[in-house]
């Protein structure tokens, strides 16, 4: 399991607000993929996934105030973490209606 932590935000910035999560718990994530946006009084910062795997939990919900080093969530890594995506159900094509030409009367 890999923790997702709030990065250092800058010299004069001590807190940030979780603006929005870009992934939901249970979704697969790639290493360095943006996961969550943090807002400070000066800038919006994207926090990327530190590892590939599945976003196992979200510890800081949207609107939460967090400081540098705070736990945002965790990623389950490894083969056991990769949950197969549910395959979409095959859709049967609509039966084609044959095009029948009607004979024209010759006059």
PDB file of N, CA and C in Angstrom:
ATOM      1  N   UNK A   1       0.853  -1.171   0.000  1.00  0.00           N
ATOM      2  CA  UNK A   1       0.000   0.000   0.000  1.00  0.00           C
ATOM      3  C   UNK A   1       0.900   1.234   0.000  1.00  0.00           C
ATOM      4  N   UNK A   2       0.549   2.202  -0.838  1.00  0.00           N
ATOM      5  CA  UNK A   2       1.310   3.444  -0.946  1.00  0.00           C
ATOM      6  C   UNK A   2       0.427   4.604  -0.502  1.00  0.00           C
ATOM      7  N   UNK A   3       0.951   5.433   0.396  1.00  0.00           N
ATOM      8  CA  UNK A   3       0.200   6.598   0.867  1.00  0.00           C
ATOM      9  C   UNK A   3       0.304   7.737  -0.130  1.00  0.00           C
ATOM     10  N   UNK A   4      -0.786   8.490  -0.255  1.00  0.00           N
ATOM     11  CA  UNK A   4      -0.808   9.716  -1.052  1.00  0.00           C
ATOM     12  C   UNK A   4      -0.748  10.852  -0.040  1.00  0.00           C
ATOM     13  N   UNK A   5       0.329  11.631  -0.086  1.00  0.00           N
ATOM     14  CA  UNK A   5       0.552  12.682   0.907  1.00  0.00           C
ATOM     15  C   UNK A   5       0.501  14.063   0.274  1.00  0.00           C
ATOM     16  N   UNK A   6       0.142  15.049   1.084  1.00  0.00           N
ATOM     17  CA  UNK A   6       0.162  16.443   0.637  1.00  0.00           C
ATOM     18  C   UNK A   6       1.623  16.848   0.454  1.00  0.00           C
ATOM     19  N   UNK A   7       1.981  17.376  -0.722  1.00  0.00           N
ATOM     20  CA  UNK A   7       3.367  17.800  -0.937  1.00  0.00           C
ATOM     21  C   UNK A   7       3.664  19.106  -0.206  1.00  0.00           C
ATOM     22  N   UNK A   8       4.937  19.477  -0.166  1.00  0.00           N
ATOM     23  CA  UNK A   8       5.324  20.783   0.372  1.00  0.00           C
ATOM     24  C   UNK A   8       4.678  21.839  -0.509  1.00  0.00           C
ATOM     25  N   UNK A   9       4.022  22.795   0.107  1.00  0.00           N
ATOM     26  CA  UNK A   9       3.219  23.759  -0.641  1.00  0.00           C
ATOM     27  C   UNK A   9       3.922  25.088  -0.901  1.00  0.00           C
ATOM     28  N   UNK A  10       5.034  25.339  -0.283  1.00  0.00           N
ATOM     29  CA  UNK A  10       5.735  26.611  -0.442  1.00  0.00           C
ATOM     30  C   UNK A  10       6.084  27.180   0.917  1.00  0.00           C
ATOM     31  N   UNK A  11       6.946  28.184   0.904  1.00  0.00           N
ATOM     32  CA  UNK A  11       7.435  28.752   2.166  1.00  0.00           C
ATOM     33  C   UNK A  11       6.340  29.309   3.052  1.00  0.00           C
ATOM     34  N   UNK A  12       5.490  30.138   2.492  1.00  0.00           N
ATOM     35  CA  UNK A  12       4.507  30.833   3.323  1.00  0.00           C
ATOM     36  C   UNK A  12       3.148  30.137   3.349  1.00  0.00           C
ATOM     37  N   UNK A  13       3.035  28.973   2.715  1.00  0.00           N
ATOM     38  CA  UNK A  13       1.753  28.274   2.660  1.00  0.00           C
ATOM     39  C   UNK A  13       1.775  27.103   3.632  1.00  0.00           C
ATOM     40  N   UNK A  14       0.847  27.125   4.592  1.00  0.00           N
ATOM     41  CA  UNK A  14       0.835  26.066   5.601  1.00  0.00           C
ATOM     42  C   UNK A  14      -0.354  25.122   5.467  1.00  0.00           C
ATOM     43  N   UNK A  15      -1.390  25.527   4.730  1.00  0.00           N
ATOM     44  CA  UNK A  15      -2.554  24.654   4.544  1.00  0.00           C
ATOM     45  C   UNK A  15      -3.084  24.773   3.125  1.00  0.00           C
ATOM     46  N   UNK A  16      -3.843  23.769   2.747  1.00  0.00           N
ATOM     47  CA  UNK A  16      -4.526  23.759   1.452  1.00  0.00           C
ATOM     48  C   UNK A  16      -5.891  23.121   1.665  1.00  0.00           C
ATOM     49  N   UNK A  17      -6.778  23.343   0.728  1.00  0.00           N
ATOM     50  CA  UNK A  17      -8.108  22.749   0.770  1.00  0.00           C
ATOM     51  C   UNK A  17      -8.219  21.743  -0.365  1.00  0.00           C
ATOM     52  N   UNK A  18      -8.762  20.570  -0.064  1.00  0.00           N
ATOM     53  CA  UNK A  18      -8.988  19.570  -1.109  1.00  0.00           C
ATOM     54  C   UNK A  18     -10.113  20.100  -1.990  1.00  0.00           C
ATOM     55  N   UNK A  19      -9.768  20.471  -3.224  1.00  0.00           N
ATOM     56  CA  UNK A  19     -10.754  21.052  -4.137  1.00  0.00           C
ATOM     57  C   UNK A  19     -11.625  19.967  -4.765  1.00  0.00           C
ATOM     58  N   UNK A  20     -10.976  18.968  -5.382  1.00  0.00           N
ATOM     59  CA  UNK A  20     -11.748  17.878  -5.972  1.00  0.00           C
ATOM     60  C   UNK A  20     -10.858  16.686  -6.257  1.00  0.00           C
ATOM     61  N   UNK A  21     -11.446  15.518  -6.141  1.00  0.00           N
ATOM     62  CA  UNK A  21     -10.774  14.277  -6.490  1.00  0.00           C
ATOM     63  C   UNK A  21     -11.058  13.991  -7.956  1.00  0.00           C
ATOM     64  N   UNK A  22     -10.026  13.624  -8.694  1.00  0.00           N
ATOM     65  CA  UNK A  22     -10.171  13.313 -10.108  1.00  0.00           C
ATOM     66  C   UNK A  22     -10.457  11.830 -10.331  1.00  0.00           C
ATOM     67  N   UNK A  23     -10.241  11.029  -9.300  1.00  0.00           N
ATOM     68  CA  UNK A  23     -10.515   9.589  -9.335  1.00  0.00           C
ATOM     69  C   UNK A  23     -11.371   9.235  -8.131  1.00  0.00           C
ATOM     70  N   UNK A  24     -12.081   8.120  -8.232  1.00  0.00           N
ATOM     71  CA  UNK A  24     -12.907   7.630  -7.129  1.00  0.00           C
ATOM     72  C   UNK A  24     -12.248   6.397  -6.526  1.00  0.00           C
ATOM     73  N   UNK A  25     -12.553   6.125  -5.281  1.00  0.00           N
ATOM     74  CA  UNK A  25     -12.041   4.919  -4.630  1.00  0.00           C
ATOM     75  C   UNK A  25     -12.466   3.705  -5.444  1.00  0.00           C
ATOM     76  N   UNK A  26     -11.511   2.796  -5.654  1.00  0.00           N
ATOM     77  CA  UNK A  26     -11.786   1.597  -6.434  1.00  0.00           C
ATOM     78  C   UNK A  26     -11.348   1.699  -7.881  1.00  0.00           C
ATOM     79  N   UNK A  27     -11.016   2.911  -8.344  1.00  0.00           N
ATOM     80  CA  UNK A  27     -10.585   3.081  -9.735  1.00  0.00           C
ATOM     81  C   UNK A  27      -9.090   2.823  -9.869  1.00  0.00           C
ATOM     82  N   UNK A  28      -8.712   2.270 -11.011  1.00  0.00           N
ATOM     83  CA  UNK A  28      -7.300   2.033 -11.309  1.00  0.00           C
ATOM     84  C   UNK A  28      -6.620   3.363 -11.609  1.00  0.00           C
ATOM     85  N   UNK A  29      -5.369   3.481 -11.178  1.00  0.00           N
ATOM     86  CA  UNK A  29      -4.589   4.695 -11.438  1.00  0.00           C
ATOM     87  C   UNK A  29      -3.214   4.301 -11.963  1.00  0.00           C
ATOM     88  N   UNK A  30      -2.656   5.161 -12.792  1.00  0.00           N
ATOM     89  CA  UNK A  30      -1.302   4.968 -13.309  1.00  0.00           C
ATOM     90  C   UNK A  30      -0.351   5.839 -12.496  1.00  0.00           C
ATOM     91  N   UNK A  31       0.904   5.439 -12.434  1.00  0.00           N
ATOM     92  CA  UNK A  31       1.910   6.248 -11.736  1.00  0.00           C
ATOM     93  C   UNK A  31       1.973   7.619 -12.392  1.00  0.00           C
ATOM     94  N   UNK A  32       2.060   8.657 -11.593  1.00  0.00           N
ATOM     95  CA  UNK A  32       2.128  10.058 -12.022  1.00  0.00           C
ATOM     96  C   UNK A  32       0.833  10.589 -12.634  1.00  0.00           C
ATOM     97  N   UNK A  33      -0.257   9.853 -12.530  1.00  0.00           N
ATOM     98  CA  UNK A  33      -1.547  10.335 -13.015  1.00  0.00           C
ATOM     99  C   UNK A  33      -2.129  11.301 -11.983  1.00  0.00           C
ATOM    100  N   UNK A  34      -2.657  12.457 -12.409  1.00  0.00           N
ATOM    101  CA  UNK A  34      -3.263  13.386 -11.447  1.00  0.00           C
ATOM    102  C   UNK A  34      -4.441  12.730 -10.723  1.00  0.00           C
ATOM    103  N   UNK A  35      -4.450  12.864  -9.382  1.00  0.00           N
ATOM    104  CA  UNK A  35      -5.495  12.242  -8.566  1.00  0.00           C
ATOM    105  C   UNK A  35      -6.412  13.240  -7.888  1.00  0.00           C
ATOM    106  N   UNK A  36      -5.825  14.332  -7.401  1.00  0.00           N
ATOM    107  CA  UNK A  36      -6.589  15.264  -6.577  1.00  0.00           C
ATOM    108  C   UNK A  36      -6.040  16.673  -6.782  1.00  0.00           C
ATOM    109  N   UNK A  37      -6.924  17.656  -6.694  1.00  0.00           N
ATOM    110  CA  UNK A  37      -6.518  19.063  -6.787  1.00  0.00           C
ATOM    111  C   UNK A  37      -6.618  19.696  -5.408  1.00  0.00           C
ATOM    112  N   UNK A  38      -5.555  20.401  -5.023  1.00  0.00           N
ATOM    113  CA  UNK A  38      -5.524  21.141  -3.765  1.00  0.00           C
ATOM    114  C   UNK A  38      -5.483  22.623  -4.089  1.00  0.00           C
ATOM    115  N   UNK A  39      -6.248  23.415  -3.354  1.00  0.00           N
ATOM    116  CA  UNK A  39      -6.250  24.869  -3.542  1.00  0.00           C
ATOM    117  C   UNK A  39      -5.623  25.539  -2.333  1.00  0.00           C
ATOM    118  N   UNK A  40      -4.727  26.486  -2.614  1.00  0.00           N
ATOM    119  CA  UNK A  40      -4.186  27.342  -1.560  1.00  0.00           C
ATOM    120  C   UNK A  40      -4.683  28.744  -1.855  1.00  0.00           C
ATOM    121  N   UNK A  41      -4.288  29.697  -1.015  1.00  0.00           N
ATOM    122  CA  UNK A  41      -4.708  31.071  -1.279  1.00  0.00           C
ATOM    123  C   UNK A  41      -4.013  31.637  -2.511  1.00  0.00           C
ATOM    124  N   UNK A  42      -2.988  30.944  -3.018  1.00  0.00           N
ATOM    125  CA  UNK A  42      -2.224  31.465  -4.150  1.00  0.00           C
ATOM    126  C   UNK A  42      -2.338  30.635  -5.421  1.00  0.00           C
ATOM    127  N   UNK A  43      -2.535  29.329  -5.294  1.00  0.00           N
ATOM    128  CA  UNK A  43      -2.424  28.469  -6.468  1.00  0.00           C
ATOM    129  C   UNK A  43      -3.239  27.185  -6.278  1.00  0.00           C
ATOM    130  N   UNK A  44      -3.572  26.534  -7.401  1.00  0.00           N
ATOM    131  CA  UNK A  44      -4.173  25.203  -7.372  1.00  0.00           C
ATOM    132  C   UNK A  44      -3.095  24.210  -7.770  1.00  0.00           C
ATOM    133  N   UNK A  45      -2.941  23.150  -6.973  1.00  0.00           N
ATOM    134  CA  UNK A  45      -1.880  22.168  -7.180  1.00  0.00           C
ATOM    135  C   UNK A  45      -2.504  20.801  -7.430  1.00  0.00           C
ATOM    136  N   UNK A  46      -2.035  20.103  -8.471  1.00  0.00           N
ATOM    137  CA  UNK A  46      -2.459  18.725  -8.700  1.00  0.00           C
ATOM    138  C   UNK A  46      -1.496  17.798  -7.979  1.00  0.00           C
ATOM    139  N   UNK A  47      -2.036  16.812  -7.291  1.00  0.00           N
ATOM    140  CA  UNK A  47      -1.210  15.795  -6.644  1.00  0.00           C
ATOM    141  C   UNK A  47      -1.322  14.538  -7.497  1.00  0.00           C
ATOM    142  N   UNK A  48      -0.170  14.029  -7.952  1.00  0.00           N
ATOM    143  CA  UNK A  48      -0.136  12.857  -8.816  1.00  0.00           C
ATOM    144  C   UNK A  48       0.013  11.580  -8.005  1.00  0.00           C
ATOM    145  N   UNK A  49      -0.376  10.471  -8.610  1.00  0.00           N
ATOM    146  CA  UNK A  49      -0.250   9.161  -7.970  1.00  0.00           C
ATOM    147  C   UNK A  49       1.221   8.808  -7.810  1.00  0.00           C
ATOM    148  N   UNK A  50       1.639   8.438  -6.606  1.00  0.00           N
ATOM    149  CA  UNK A  50       3.037   8.059  -6.397  1.00  0.00           C
ATOM    150  C   UNK A  50       3.352   6.665  -6.944  1.00  0.00           C
ATOM    151  N   UNK A  51       2.318   5.878  -7.259  1.00  0.00           N
ATOM    152  CA  UNK A  51       2.516   4.523  -7.778  1.00  0.00           C
ATOM    153  C   UNK A  51       1.274   4.114  -8.565  1.00  0.00           C
ATOM    154  N   UNK A  52       1.429   3.083  -9.377  1.00  0.00           N
ATOM    155  CA  UNK A  52       0.288   2.535 -10.107  1.00  0.00           C
ATOM    156  C   UNK A  52      -0.446   1.550  -9.211  1.00  0.00           C
ATOM    157  N   UNK A  53      -1.730   1.384  -9.447  1.00  0.00           N
ATOM    158  CA  UNK A  53      -2.521   0.437  -8.669  1.00  0.00           C
ATOM    159  C   UNK A  53      -3.978   0.834  -8.673  1.00  0.00           C
ATOM    160  N   UNK A  54      -4.627   0.652  -7.537  1.00  0.00           N
ATOM    161  CA  UNK A  54      -6.038   0.992  -7.377  1.00  0.00           C
ATOM    162  C   UNK A  54      -6.159   1.971  -6.222  1.00  0.00           C
ATOM    163  N   UNK A  55      -6.887   3.063  -6.439  1.00  0.00           N
ATOM    164  CA  UNK A  55      -7.124   4.029  -5.363  1.00  0.00           C
ATOM    165  C   UNK A  55      -7.979   3.323  -4.314  1.00  0.00           C
ATOM    166  N   UNK A  56      -7.334   2.905  -3.243  1.00  0.00           N
ATOM    167  CA  UNK A  56      -8.007   2.084  -2.237  1.00  0.00           C
ATOM    168  C   UNK A  56      -8.878   2.908  -1.299  1.00  0.00           C
ATOM    169  N   UNK A  57      -8.376   4.059  -0.860  1.00  0.00           N
ATOM    170  CA  UNK A  57      -9.166   4.855   0.076  1.00  0.00           C
ATOM    171  C   UNK A  57      -8.864   6.332  -0.098  1.00  0.00           C
ATOM    172  N   UNK A  58      -9.843   7.139   0.287  1.00  0.00           N
ATOM    173  CA  UNK A  58      -9.703   8.593   0.296  1.00  0.00           C
ATOM    174  C   UNK A  58      -9.834   9.021   1.750  1.00  0.00           C
ATOM    175  N   UNK A  59      -8.750   9.593   2.304  1.00  0.00           N
ATOM    176  CA  UNK A  59      -8.735   9.984   3.714  1.00  0.00           C
ATOM    177  C   UNK A  59      -9.184  11.428   3.917  1.00  0.00           C
ATOM    178  N   UNK A  60      -8.964  12.282   2.909  1.00  0.00           N
ATOM    179  CA  UNK A  60      -9.341  13.696   3.010  1.00  0.00           C
ATOM    180  C   UNK A  60     -10.361  13.995   1.916  1.00  0.00           C
ATOM    181  N   UNK A  61     -11.591  14.207   2.313  1.00  0.00           N
ATOM    182  CA  UNK A  61     -12.655  14.477   1.352  1.00  0.00           C
ATOM    183  C   UNK A  61     -12.594  15.903   0.829  1.00  0.00           C
ATOM    184  N   UNK A  62     -13.333  16.153  -0.253  1.00  0.00           N
ATOM    185  CA  UNK A  62     -13.395  17.496  -0.826  1.00  0.00           C
ATOM    186  C   UNK A  62     -13.855  18.484   0.237  1.00  0.00           C
ATOM    187  N   UNK A  63     -13.162  19.624   0.293  1.00  0.00           N
ATOM    188  CA  UNK A  63     -13.475  20.650   1.277  1.00  0.00           C
ATOM    189  C   UNK A  63     -12.636  20.560   2.538  1.00  0.00           C
ATOM    190  N   UNK A  64     -11.925  19.452   2.720  1.00  0.00           N
ATOM    191  CA  UNK A  64     -11.091  19.278   3.919  1.00  0.00           C
ATOM    192  C   UNK A  64      -9.853  20.160   3.838  1.00  0.00           C
ATOM    193  N   UNK A  65      -9.442  20.693   4.984  1.00  0.00           N
ATOM    194  CA  UNK A  65      -8.217  21.492   5.060  1.00  0.00           C
ATOM    195  C   UNK A  65      -7.081  20.569   5.484  1.00  0.00           C
ATOM    196  N   UNK A  66      -5.986  20.597   4.717  1.00  0.00           N
ATOM    197  CA  UNK A  66      -4.859  19.690   4.965  1.00  0.00           C
ATOM    198  C   UNK A  66      -3.553  20.473   4.965  1.00  0.00           C
ATOM    199  N   UNK A  67      -2.565  19.936   5.661  1.00  0.00           N
ATOM    200  CA  UNK A  67      -1.240  20.549   5.709  1.00  0.00           C
ATOM    201  C   UNK A  67      -0.222  19.660   5.021  1.00  0.00           C
ATOM    202  N   UNK A  68       0.978  20.176   4.785  1.00  0.00           N
ATOM    203  CA  UNK A  68       2.033  19.385   4.146  1.00  0.00           C
ATOM    204  C   UNK A  68       2.289  18.087   4.908  1.00  0.00           C
ATOM    205  N   UNK A  69       2.373  16.984   4.169  1.00  0.00           N
ATOM    206  CA  UNK A  69       2.620  15.684   4.774  1.00  0.00           C
ATOM    207  C   UNK A  69       1.369  14.957   5.229  1.00  0.00           C
ATOM    208  N   UNK A  70       0.208  15.613   5.163  1.00  0.00           N
ATOM    209  CA  UNK A  70      -1.041  14.977   5.596  1.00  0.00           C
ATOM    210  C   UNK A  70      -1.436  13.867   4.625  1.00  0.00           C
ATOM    211  N   UNK A  71      -2.102  12.863   5.142  1.00  0.00           N
ATOM    212  CA  UNK A  71      -2.557  11.734   4.341  1.00  0.00           C
ATOM    213  C   UNK A  71      -3.810  12.120   3.558  1.00  0.00           C
ATOM    214  N   UNK A  72      -3.735  11.970   2.232  1.00  0.00           N
ATOM    215  CA  UNK A  72      -4.891  12.234   1.372  1.00  0.00           C
ATOM    216  C   UNK A  72      -5.656  10.954   1.060  1.00  0.00           C
ATOM    217  N   UNK A  73      -4.919   9.862   0.891  1.00  0.00           N
ATOM    218  CA  UNK A  73      -5.532   8.583   0.547  1.00  0.00           C
ATOM    219  C   UNK A  73      -4.457   7.533   0.402  1.00  0.00           C
ATOM    220  N   UNK A  74      -4.837   6.364  -0.133  1.00  0.00           N
ATOM    221  CA  UNK A  74      -3.853   5.299  -0.326  1.00  0.00           C
ATOM    222  C   UNK A  74      -4.146   4.527  -1.604  1.00  0.00           C
ATOM    223  N   UNK A  75      -3.065   3.977  -2.157  1.00  0.00           N
ATOM    224  CA  UNK A  75      -3.138   3.197  -3.389  1.00  0.00           C
ATOM    225  C   UNK A  75      -2.674   1.786  -3.073  1.00  0.00           C
ATOM    226  N   UNK A  76      -3.472   0.804  -3.440  1.00  0.00           N
ATOM    227  CA  UNK A  76      -3.071  -0.596  -3.330  1.00  0.00           C
ATOM    228  C   UNK A  76      -2.335  -0.930  -4.620  1.00  0.00           C
ATOM    229  N   UNK A  77      -1.097  -1.390  -4.498  1.00  0.00           N
ATOM    230  CA  UNK A  77      -0.280  -1.665  -5.678  1.00  0.00           C
ATOM    231  C   UNK A  77      -0.096  -3.158  -5.855  1.00  0.00           C
ATOM    232  N   UNK A  78       0.352  -3.542  -7.041  1.00  0.00           N
ATOM    233  CA  UNK A  78       0.652  -4.944  -7.306  1.00  0.00           C
ATOM    234  C   UNK A  78      -0.447  -5.626  -8.078  1.00  0.00           C
ATOM    235  N   UNK A  79      -0.177  -6.868  -8.463  1.00  0.00           N
ATOM    236  CA  UNK A  79      -1.114  -7.622  -9.297  1.00  0.00           C
ATOM    237  C   UNK A  79      -2.440  -7.861  -8.588  1.00  0.00           C
ATOM    238  N   UNK A  80      -2.405  -8.056  -7.273  1.00  0.00           N
ATOM    239  CA  UNK A  80      -3.650  -8.321  -6.551  1.00  0.00           C
ATOM    240  C   UNK A  80      -4.543  -7.091  -6.500  1.00  0.00           C
ATOM    241  N   UNK A  81      -3.956  -5.922  -6.705  1.00  0.00           N
ATOM    242  CA  UNK A  81      -4.740  -4.693  -6.633  1.00  0.00           C
ATOM    243  C   UNK A  81      -5.473  -4.408  -7.930  1.00  0.00           C
ATOM    244  N   UNK A  82      -4.974  -4.956  -9.012  1.00  0.00           N
ATOM    245  CA  UNK A  82      -5.578  -4.649 -10.310  1.00  0.00           C
ATOM    246  C   UNK A  82      -6.903  -5.381 -10.429  1.00  0.00           C
ATOM    247  N   UNK A  83      -7.969  -4.657 -10.256  1.00  0.00           N
ATOM    248  CA  UNK A  83      -9.294  -5.244 -10.392  1.00  0.00           C
ATOM    249  C   UNK A  83      -9.675  -5.168 -11.861  1.00  0.00           C
ATOM    250  N   UNK A  84     -10.064  -6.279 -12.441  1.00  0.00           N
ATOM    251  CA  UNK A  84     -10.397  -6.236 -13.864  1.00  0.00           C
ATOM    252  C   UNK A  84     -11.606  -5.348 -14.100  1.00  0.00           C
ATOM    253  N   UNK A  85     -11.524  -4.581 -15.133  1.00  0.00           N
ATOM    254  CA  UNK A  85     -12.644  -3.717 -15.490  1.00  0.00           C
ATOM    255  C   UNK A  85     -13.767  -4.602 -16.004  1.00  0.00           C
ATOM    256  N   UNK A  86     -14.970  -4.263 -15.660  1.00  0.00           N
ATOM    257  CA  UNK A  86     -16.094  -5.056 -16.103  1.00  0.00           C
ATOM    258  C   UNK A  86     -16.283  -4.830 -17.595  1.00  0.00           C
ATOM    259  N   UNK A  87     -16.277  -5.922 -18.329  1.00  0.00           N
ATOM    260  CA  UNK A  87     -16.419  -5.825 -19.781  1.00  0.00           C
ATOM    261  C   UNK A  87     -17.836  -5.392 -20.112  1.00  0.00           C
ATOM    262  N   UNK A  88     -17.967  -4.490 -21.056  1.00  0.00           N
ATOM    263  CA  UNK A  88     -19.316  -4.073 -21.439  1.00  0.00           C
ATOM    264  C   UNK A  88     -20.052  -5.239 -22.089  1.00  0.00           C
ATOM    265  N   UNK A  89     -21.326  -5.301 -21.861  1.00  0.00           N
ATOM    266  CA  UNK A  89     -22.132  -6.363 -22.455  1.00  0.00           C
ATOM    267  C   UNK A  89     -22.188  -6.164 -23.964  1.00  0.00           C
ATOM    268  N   UNK A  90     -21.994  -7.239 -24.732  1.00  0.00           N
ATOM    269  CA  UNK A  90     -22.055  -7.081 -26.185  1.00  0.00           C
ATOM    270  C   UNK A  90     -23.462  -6.688 -26.603  1.00  0.00           C
ATOM    271  N   UNK A  91     -23.524  -5.798 -27.522  1.00  0.00           N
ATOM    272  CA  UNK A  91     -24.809  -5.327 -28.016  1.00  0.00           C
ATOM    273  C   UNK A  91     -25.047  -5.987 -29.362  1.00  0.00           C
ATOM    274  N   UNK A  92     -26.151  -6.701 -29.469  1.00  0.00           N
ATOM    275  CA  UNK A  92     -26.472  -7.363 -30.730  1.00  0.00           C
ATOM    276  C   UNK A  92     -26.892  -6.299 -31.735  1.00  0.00           C
ATOM    277  N   UNK A  93     -26.340  -6.368 -32.935  1.00  0.00           N
ATOM    278  CA  UNK A  93     -26.738  -5.376 -33.935  1.00  0.00           C
ATOM    279  C   UNK A  93     -28.198  -5.586 -34.317  1.00  0.00           C
ATOM    280  N   UNK A  94     -28.856  -4.525 -34.654  1.00  0.00           N
ATOM    281  CA  UNK A  94     -30.248  -4.610 -35.069  1.00  0.00           C
ATOM    282  C   UNK A  94     -30.307  -5.401 -36.368  1.00  0.00           C
ATOM    283  N   UNK A  95     -31.295  -6.260 -36.505  1.00  0.00           N
ATOM    284  CA  UNK A  95     -31.373  -7.034 -37.742  1.00  0.00           C
ATOM    285  C   UNK A  95     -31.532  -6.096 -38.928  1.00  0.00           C
ATOM    286  N   UNK A  96     -30.758  -6.388 -39.942  1.00  0.00           N
ATOM    287  CA  UNK A  96     -30.801  -5.543 -41.136  1.00  0.00           C
ATOM    288  C   UNK A  96     -32.080  -5.844 -41.902  1.00  0.00           C
ATOM    289  N   UNK A  97     -32.730  -4.812 -42.343  1.00  0.00           N
ATOM    290  CA  UNK A  97     -33.919  -5.010 -43.162  1.00  0.00           C
ATOM    291  C   UNK A  97     -33.451  -5.080 -44.608  1.00  0.00           C
ATOM    292  N   UNK A  98     -33.766  -6.161 -45.263  1.00  0.00           N
ATOM    293  CA  UNK A  98     -33.294  -6.285 -46.646  1.00  0.00           C
ATOM    294  C   UNK A  98     -33.963  -5.248 -47.532  1.00  0.00           C
ATOM    295  N   UNK A  99     -33.180  -4.729 -48.439  1.00  0.00           N
ATOM    296  CA  UNK A  99     -33.703  -3.740 -49.382  1.00  0.00           C
ATOM    297  C   UNK A  99     -34.262  -4.497 -50.573  1.00  0.00           C
ATOM    298  N   UNK A 100     -35.538  -4.413 -50.746  1.00  0.00           N
ATOM    299  CA  UNK A 100     -36.187  -5.127 -51.843  1.00  0.00           C
ATOM    300  C   UNK A 100     -36.654  -4.100 -52.851  1.00  0.00           C
ATOM    301  N   UNK A 101     -36.213  -4.303 -54.096  1.00  0.00           N
ATOM    302  CA  UNK A 101     -36.666  -3.395 -55.152  1.00  0.00           C
ATOM    303  C   UNK A 101     -37.961  -3.929 -55.717  1.00  0.00           C
ATOM    304  N   UNK A 102     -38.889  -3.038 -55.845  1.00  0.00           N
ATOM    305  CA  UNK A 102     -40.150  -3.454 -56.461  1.00  0.00           C
ATOM    306  C   UNK A 102     -40.034  -3.232 -57.956  1.00  0.00           C
ATOM    307  N   UNK A 103     -40.463  -4.200 -58.720  1.00  0.00           N
ATOM    308  CA  UNK A 103     -40.368  -4.026 -60.181  1.00  0.00           C
ATOM    309  C   UNK A 103     -41.280  -2.896 -60.630  1.00  0.00           C
ATOM    310  N   UNK A 104     -40.779  -2.145 -61.573  1.00  0.00           N
ATOM    311  CA  UNK A 104     -41.573  -1.030 -62.104  1.00  0.00           C
ATOM    312  C   UNK A 104     -42.323  -1.501 -63.348  1.00  0.00           C
ATOM    313  N   UNK A 105     -43.468  -0.984 -63.471  1.00  0.00           N
ATOM    314  CA  UNK A 105     -44.258  -1.330 -64.660  1.00  0.00           C
ATOM    315  C   UNK A 105     -43.704  -0.572 -65.850  1.00  0.00           C
ATOM    316  N   UNK A 106     -43.529  -1.276 -66.940  1.00  0.00           N
ATOM    317  CA  UNK A 106     -43.032  -0.641 -68.161  1.00  0.00           C
ATOM    318  C   UNK A 106     -44.238  -0.239 -68.974  1.00  0.00           C
ATOM    319  N   UNK A 107     -44.301   0.999 -69.376  1.00  0.00           N
ATOM    320  CA  UNK A 107     -45.445   1.462 -70.155  1.00  0.00           C
ATOM    321  C   UNK A 107     -45.043   1.904 -71.515  1.00  0.00           C
TER     322      UNK A 107
END
